[in-house]
C-alpha atoms as a PDB file:
ATOM      1  CA  MET A   1      17.877  -1.621 -20.017  1.00  0.00           C
ATOM      2  CA  GLU A   2      18.939  -3.332 -16.783  1.00  0.00           C
ATOM      3  CA  ASN A   3      17.801  -6.937 -16.737  1.00  0.00           C
ATOM      4  CA  GLN A   4      19.288  -8.977 -13.899  1.00  0.00           C
ATOM      5  CA  ASN A   5      16.380 -11.415 -13.751  1.00  0.00           C
ATOM      6  CA  ASN A   6      16.298 -12.548 -17.375  1.00  0.00           C
ATOM      7  CA  PRO A   7      17.457 -16.198 -17.230  1.00  0.00           C
ATOM      8  CA  GLN A   8      18.474 -16.245 -20.906  1.00  0.00           C
ATOM      9  CA  ILE A   9      20.887 -13.348 -20.404  1.00  0.00           C
ATOM     10  CA  GLN A  10      21.941 -14.702 -16.992  1.00  0.00           C
ATOM     11  CA  ARG A  11      23.475 -17.800 -18.564  1.00  0.00           C
ATOM     12  CA  LYS A  12      25.715 -15.857 -20.942  1.00  0.00           C
ATOM     13  CA  LYS A  13      29.316 -15.628 -19.739  1.00  0.00           C
ATOM     14  CA  ILE A  14      31.581 -12.901 -21.048  1.00  0.00           C
ATOM     15  CA  LEU A  15      35.329 -12.594 -20.598  1.00  0.00           C
ATOM     16  CA  ILE A  16      36.889  -9.144 -20.899  1.00  0.00           C
ATOM     17  CA  ILE A  17      40.601  -9.254 -21.750  1.00  0.00           C
ATOM     18  CA  GLU A  18      41.765  -5.655 -21.401  1.00  0.00           C
ATOM     19  CA  ASP A  19      44.952  -4.251 -19.835  1.00  0.00           C
ATOM     20  CA  GLU A  20      43.437  -0.844 -19.023  1.00  0.00           C
ATOM     21  CA  LYS A  21      41.956  -1.775 -15.649  1.00  0.00           C
ATOM     22  CA  ALA A  22      39.549   1.173 -15.368  1.00  0.00           C
ATOM     23  CA  ILE A  23      38.030   0.365 -18.770  1.00  0.00           C
ATOM     24  CA  ALA A  24      37.890  -3.366 -18.024  1.00  0.00           C
ATOM     25  CA  ARG A  25      36.188  -2.817 -14.660  1.00  0.00           C
ATOM     26  CA  ALA A  26      33.663  -0.341 -16.096  1.00  0.00           C
ATOM     27  CA  ILE A  27      32.677  -2.822 -18.826  1.00  0.00           C
ATOM     28  CA  GLU A  28      32.572  -5.687 -16.317  1.00  0.00           C
ATOM     29  CA  ILE A  29      30.300  -3.762 -13.930  1.00  0.00           C
ATOM     30  CA  LYS A  30      27.951  -2.643 -16.711  1.00  0.00           C
ATOM     31  CA  LEU A  31      27.669  -6.157 -18.161  1.00  0.00           C
ATOM     32  CA  ASN A  32      27.025  -7.659 -14.719  1.00  0.00           C
ATOM     33  CA  LYS A  33      24.358  -5.026 -13.985  1.00  0.00           C
ATOM     34  CA  THR A  34      22.752  -5.882 -17.327  1.00  0.00           C
ATOM     35  CA  GLY A  35      22.502  -9.508 -16.207  1.00  0.00           C
ATOM     36  CA  TYR A  36      25.469 -11.156 -17.885  1.00  0.00           C
ATOM     37  CA  LEU A  37      28.143 -13.059 -15.978  1.00  0.00           C
ATOM     38  CA  ALA A  38      31.197 -10.974 -16.833  1.00  0.00           C
ATOM     39  CA  LYS A  39      34.782 -11.344 -15.675  1.00  0.00           C
ATOM     40  CA  ALA A  40      37.711  -9.047 -16.440  1.00  0.00           C
ATOM     41  CA  VAL A  41      41.346 -10.100 -16.735  1.00  0.00           C
ATOM     42  CA  PHE A  42      44.194  -7.772 -17.564  1.00  0.00           C
ATOM     43  CA  ASP A  43      46.544  -9.597 -19.931  1.00  0.00           C
ATOM     44  CA  GLY A  44      46.380 -12.125 -22.734  1.00  0.00           C
ATOM     45  CA  GLU A  45      48.125 -14.920 -20.838  1.00  0.00           C
ATOM     46  CA  THR A  46      45.579 -14.820 -18.006  1.00  0.00           C
ATOM     47  CA  GLY A  47      42.805 -14.535 -20.580  1.00  0.00           C
ATOM     48  CA  LEU A  48      43.915 -17.720 -22.346  1.00  0.00           C
ATOM     49  CA  LYS A  49      44.109 -19.577 -19.023  1.00  0.00           C
ATOM     50  CA  GLU A  50      40.592 -18.419 -18.154  1.00  0.00           C
ATOM     51  CA  LEU A  51      39.274 -19.423 -21.595  1.00  0.00           C
ATOM     52  CA  GLY A  52      40.830 -22.848 -21.086  1.00  0.00           C
ATOM     53  CA  LEU A  53      38.443 -23.375 -18.171  1.00  0.00           C
ATOM     54  CA  GLY A  54      35.608 -23.148 -20.693  1.00  0.00           C
ATOM     55  CA  GLY A  55      32.059 -21.930 -20.507  1.00  0.00           C
ATOM     56  CA  TYR A  56      32.448 -18.481 -22.055  1.00  0.00           C
ATOM     57  CA  ASP A  57      30.002 -17.346 -24.719  1.00  0.00           C
ATOM     58  CA  LEU A  58      31.832 -14.189 -25.782  1.00  0.00           C
ATOM     59  CA  VAL A  59      35.183 -12.446 -25.350  1.00  0.00           C
ATOM     60  CA  LEU A  60      35.846  -8.712 -25.544  1.00  0.00           C
ATOM     61  CA  LEU A  61      39.513  -8.701 -26.553  1.00  0.00           C
ATOM     62  CA  ASP A  62      41.888  -5.739 -26.603  1.00  0.00           C
ATOM     63  CA  ILE A  63      44.696  -5.832 -29.173  1.00  0.00           C
ATOM     64  CA  MET A  64      47.511  -3.898 -27.478  1.00  0.00           C
ATOM     65  CA  MET A  65      48.383  -5.709 -24.224  1.00  0.00           C
ATOM     66  CA  PRO A  66      51.463  -6.832 -22.320  1.00  0.00           C
ATOM     67  CA  ILE A  67      52.713 -10.441 -22.208  1.00  0.00           C
ATOM     68  CA  ILE A  68      50.500 -11.741 -25.047  1.00  0.00           C
ATOM     69  CA  ASP A  69      48.781  -9.293 -27.403  1.00  0.00           C
ATOM     70  CA  GLY A  70      45.230  -9.656 -28.686  1.00  0.00           C
ATOM     71  CA  TRP A  71      46.277 -10.931 -32.109  1.00  0.00           C
ATOM     72  CA  SER A  72      48.181 -13.790 -30.464  1.00  0.00           C
ATOM     73  CA  VAL A  73      45.238 -14.553 -28.168  1.00  0.00           C
ATOM     74  CA  LEU A  74      42.868 -14.630 -31.147  1.00  0.00           C
ATOM     75  CA  SER A  75      45.264 -16.926 -33.012  1.00  0.00           C
ATOM     76  CA  LYS A  76      45.527 -19.298 -30.024  1.00  0.00           C
ATOM     77  CA  ILE A  77      41.720 -19.364 -29.629  1.00  0.00           C
ATOM     78  CA  LYS A  78      41.514 -20.590 -33.216  1.00  0.00           C
ATOM     79  CA  GLU A  79      44.484 -22.992 -32.812  1.00  0.00           C
ATOM     80  CA  ARG A  80      42.977 -24.561 -29.694  1.00  0.00           C
ATOM     81  CA  ASN A  81      39.531 -24.719 -31.299  1.00  0.00           C
ATOM     82  CA  ILE A  82      37.950 -22.798 -28.410  1.00  0.00           C
ATOM     83  CA  GLN A  83      34.316 -22.223 -29.362  1.00  0.00           C
ATOM     84  CA  VAL A  84      33.705 -18.610 -28.353  1.00  0.00           C
ATOM     85  CA  LYS A  85      32.636 -15.447 -30.151  1.00  0.00           C
ATOM     86  CA  VAL A  86      35.244 -12.682 -30.066  1.00  0.00           C
ATOM     87  CA  ILE A  87      34.742  -8.942 -30.391  1.00  0.00           C
ATOM     88  CA  ILE A  88      38.009  -7.055 -30.805  1.00  0.00           C
ATOM     89  CA  THR A  89      38.206  -3.782 -28.880  1.00  0.00           C
ATOM     90  CA  SER A  90      40.957  -1.395 -29.868  1.00  0.00           C
ATOM     91  CA  ASN A  91      41.956   2.231 -29.958  1.00  0.00           C
ATOM     92  CA  LEU A  92      43.423   1.599 -33.403  1.00  0.00           C
ATOM     93  CA  ASN A  93      40.960   2.779 -36.021  1.00  0.00           C
ATOM     94  CA  GLN A  94      42.515   1.054 -38.991  1.00  0.00           C
ATOM     95  CA  ASP A  95      40.445  -0.660 -41.668  1.00  0.00           C
ATOM     96  CA  GLU A  96      43.216  -3.229 -42.034  1.00  0.00           C
ATOM     97  CA  ASP A  97      42.897  -4.167 -38.327  1.00  0.00           C
ATOM     98  CA  ALA A  98      39.128  -4.645 -38.658  1.00  0.00           C
ATOM     99  CA  ARG A  99      39.693  -6.754 -41.769  1.00  0.00           C
ATOM    100  CA  ARG A 100      42.397  -8.809 -40.071  1.00  0.00           C
ATOM    101  CA  ALA A 101      40.145  -9.387 -37.045  1.00  0.00           C
ATOM    102  CA  LYS A 102      37.351 -10.744 -39.269  1.00  0.00           C
ATOM    103  CA  GLU A 103      39.804 -12.931 -41.206  1.00  0.00           C
ATOM    104  CA  MET A 104      41.054 -14.374 -37.917  1.00  0.00           C
ATOM    105  CA  GLY A 105      37.533 -15.249 -36.797  1.00  0.00           C
ATOM    106  CA  ALA A 106      36.369 -12.273 -34.733  1.00  0.00           C
ATOM    107  CA  VAL A 107      32.655 -11.498 -35.044  1.00  0.00           C
ATOM    108  CA  GLY A 108      33.072  -7.777 -34.381  1.00  0.00           C
ATOM    109  CA  PHE A 109      35.508  -4.880 -34.081  1.00  0.00           C
ATOM    110  CA  LEU A 110      34.935  -1.870 -31.820  1.00  0.00           C
ATOM    111  CA  VAL A 111      37.048   1.274 -31.625  1.00  0.00           C
ATOM    112  CA  LYS A 112      37.075   1.992 -27.873  1.00  0.00           C
ATOM    113  CA  SER A 113      37.584   5.727 -28.256  1.00  0.00           C
ATOM    114  CA  ASN A 114      34.402   5.887 -30.374  1.00  0.00           C
ATOM    115  CA  ALA A 115      32.294   3.518 -28.243  1.00  0.00           C
ATOM    116  CA  SER A 116      30.356   4.304 -25.083  1.00  0.00           C
ATOM    117  CA  LEU A 117      29.550   1.612 -22.524  1.00  0.00           C
ATOM    118  CA  THR A 118      26.059   1.496 -24.020  1.00  0.00           C
ATOM    119  CA  ASN A 119      27.530   0.873 -27.492  1.00  0.00           C
ATOM    120  CA  ILE A 120      29.623  -1.972 -26.110  1.00  0.00           C
ATOM    121  CA  ILE A 121      26.609  -3.556 -24.359  1.00  0.00           C
ATOM    122  CA  ASP A 122      24.551  -3.219 -27.552  1.00  0.00           C
ATOM    123  CA  GLU A 123      27.322  -4.914 -29.537  1.00  0.00           C
ATOM    124  CA  VAL A 124      27.439  -7.768 -27.010  1.00  0.00           C
ATOM    125  CA  LYS A 125      23.650  -8.195 -27.265  1.00  0.00           C
ATOM    126  CA  ASN A 126      23.905  -8.317 -31.072  1.00  0.00           C
ATOM    127  CA  PHE A 127      26.204 -11.333 -30.929  1.00  0.00           C
ATOM    128  CA  LEU A 128      24.610 -13.294 -28.071  1.00  0.00           C
END
């Protein structure tokens, strides 16, 4: 359901940290059309810099990325005490990865190859 005028959704800022630009842009566009304030960055280093600026409510974080991988980003979020909810997005469908994500503080774990844009938006709504 498109909802650009809902002020409660409008205030929610989402950072997408995903090295596959087509996927990142598609998620960013869909979230923005839904009424969120979404921004995509394409590597973990840039993602951490952006998170350092503050104000994000949720992060969609890929695991396999250049420069700094998602596990390292998640670890640094915890280390720096950045207050943000994190949903891990990955093409790895391993129970151990989902478990590790939860142990490291992520609120959710999505397998990208099994998730449509609608599934991703629904997951975001569940945690915001």
